[in-house]
């Protein structure tokens, strides 16, 4: 987790995700696990949020799923959202809603797409 987030904050992420369409890019998600715990890491540009998973089962998909509950984040996650006019700084900080380019449903909660 530390290595990935450190490199992300320095270099960001980029490059096209489709061979014939250089404008097609997307955020990335990672499952990082060892015998004791796991982490869900979701990224948006140089910004990131991570949620510790100590029990149960979780998965990642093709969209951001970390909402208002996360354990670690990039130092400037919230200030960057305000600076880029993604978030007013008022109300709950919902990572998926704020940093997703696709709509996030109001009735989804932190667990709606995480549990198998």
Protein backbone atom coordinates (compact mmCIF):
# COMPACT_ATOMS: atom_id res chain seq x y z
CA UNK A 1 0.00 0.00 0.00
CA UNK A 2 2.74 2.45 0.95
CA UNK A 3 4.75 1.81 -2.21
CA UNK A 4 1.77 2.14 -4.56
CA UNK A 5 0.46 5.31 -2.93
CA UNK A 6 3.92 6.89 -2.79
CA UNK A 7 4.50 6.27 -6.51
CA UNK A 8 0.98 7.45 -7.32
CA UNK A 9 1.48 10.74 -5.49
CA UNK A 10 4.76 11.36 -7.33
CA UNK A 11 3.91 10.15 -10.84
CA UNK A 12 0.12 9.97 -10.95
CA UNK A 13 -1.46 7.55 -13.33
CA UNK A 14 -2.05 7.97 -16.98
CA UNK A 15 -1.88 6.68 -20.43
CA UNK A 16 -4.70 5.48 -22.59
CA UNK A 17 -6.73 2.45 -21.57
CA UNK A 18 -7.75 1.64 -25.14
CA UNK A 19 -5.41 1.08 -28.03
CA UNK A 20 -7.44 3.13 -30.51
CA UNK A 21 -8.82 5.83 -28.20
CA UNK A 22 -6.19 7.84 -26.29
CA UNK A 23 -8.91 9.85 -24.53
CA UNK A 24 -10.29 6.74 -22.79
CA UNK A 25 -8.82 6.68 -19.27
CA UNK A 26 -10.15 5.52 -15.93
CA UNK A 27 -9.35 5.33 -12.23
CA UNK A 28 -7.82 2.18 -10.77
CA UNK A 29 -8.59 -0.03 -7.80
CA UNK A 30 -6.41 -2.58 -6.04
CA UNK A 31 -6.90 -5.39 -3.54
CA UNK A 32 -3.78 -5.72 -1.39
CA UNK A 33 -3.74 -8.65 1.04
CA UNK A 34 -1.56 -10.72 3.29
CA UNK A 35 -2.40 -13.42 5.83
CA UNK A 36 -3.52 -10.88 8.47
CA UNK A 37 -5.46 -8.20 6.62
CA UNK A 38 -6.41 -6.69 3.33
CA UNK A 39 -6.78 -3.22 1.90
CA UNK A 40 -8.99 -1.83 -0.81
CA UNK A 41 -7.14 1.00 -2.53
CA UNK A 42 -9.03 3.20 -4.97
CA UNK A 43 -7.39 5.91 -7.01
CA UNK A 44 -8.42 9.01 -8.95
CA UNK A 45 -5.54 10.77 -10.66
CA UNK A 46 -2.99 11.37 -7.89
CA UNK A 47 -5.68 11.12 -5.21
CA UNK A 48 -6.49 7.93 -3.33
CA UNK A 49 -8.50 6.44 -0.49
CA UNK A 50 -7.91 3.10 1.24
CA UNK A 51 -10.12 0.98 3.44
CA UNK A 52 -8.77 -1.75 5.73
CA UNK A 53 -10.47 -5.14 5.53
CA UNK A 54 -9.87 -7.31 8.59
CA UNK A 55 -12.68 -9.81 8.08
CA UNK A 56 -15.31 -10.84 5.59
CA UNK A 57 -15.09 -10.78 1.81
CA UNK A 58 -14.84 -7.79 -0.46
CA UNK A 59 -14.33 -7.20 -4.15
CA UNK A 60 -13.62 -4.36 -6.52
CA UNK A 61 -15.31 -3.57 -9.77
CA UNK A 62 -15.11 -1.09 -12.62
CA UNK A 63 -16.18 1.85 -10.52
CA UNK A 64 -15.15 3.53 -7.29
CA UNK A 65 -16.86 1.92 -4.30
CA UNK A 66 -15.28 3.62 -1.27
CA UNK A 67 -17.83 6.12 -0.04
CA UNK A 68 -17.64 7.99 3.30
CA UNK A 69 -15.82 5.34 5.33
CA UNK A 70 -12.08 4.92 4.70
CA UNK A 71 -9.01 4.51 6.88
CA UNK A 72 -6.27 6.25 4.91
CA UNK A 73 -6.14 8.79 2.09
CA UNK A 74 -3.82 11.09 0.21
CA UNK A 75 -2.96 14.11 2.35
CA UNK A 76 -4.62 16.58 -0.01
CA UNK A 77 -7.66 14.46 -0.95
CA UNK A 78 -10.24 16.90 0.41
CA UNK A 79 -8.40 20.13 -0.43
CA UNK A 80 -7.91 18.93 -4.01
CA UNK A 81 -11.62 18.18 -4.30
CA UNK A 82 -12.43 21.70 -3.12
CA UNK A 83 -9.79 23.30 -5.37
CA UNK A 84 -11.13 21.43 -8.42
CA UNK A 85 -14.73 22.30 -7.47
CA UNK A 86 -15.67 18.62 -7.06
CA UNK A 87 -16.85 19.25 -3.48
CA UNK A 88 -17.92 22.36 -1.60
CA UNK A 89 -16.30 21.30 1.66
CA UNK A 90 -19.72 20.96 3.27
CA UNK A 91 -21.50 17.74 4.10
CA UNK A 92 -20.11 14.22 4.02
CA UNK A 93 -17.01 13.57 1.98
CA UNK A 94 -18.09 10.76 -0.36
CA UNK A 95 -14.99 9.62 -2.27
CA UNK A 96 -16.89 7.65 -4.92
CA UNK A 97 -19.42 10.40 -5.59
CA UNK A 98 -16.84 13.19 -5.63
CA UNK A 99 -14.20 11.51 -7.79
CA UNK A 100 -16.35 9.37 -10.10
CA UNK A 101 -17.01 10.47 -13.63
CA UNK A 102 -20.07 8.19 -13.66
CA UNK A 103 -23.08 8.79 -11.45
CA UNK A 104 -23.14 7.09 -8.07
CA UNK A 105 -26.57 6.05 -6.90
CA UNK A 106 -27.91 7.71 -3.76
CA UNK A 107 -29.24 4.41 -2.43
CA UNK A 108 -25.86 2.64 -2.62
CA UNK A 109 -23.99 2.45 0.65
CA UNK A 110 -20.44 1.39 1.49
CA UNK A 111 -21.38 -2.30 1.40
CA UNK A 112 -23.74 -2.49 -1.59
CA UNK A 113 -21.11 -3.60 -4.11
CA UNK A 114 -18.37 -4.77 -1.78
CA UNK A 115 -19.72 -8.04 -0.42
CA UNK A 116 -19.96 -11.24 -2.42
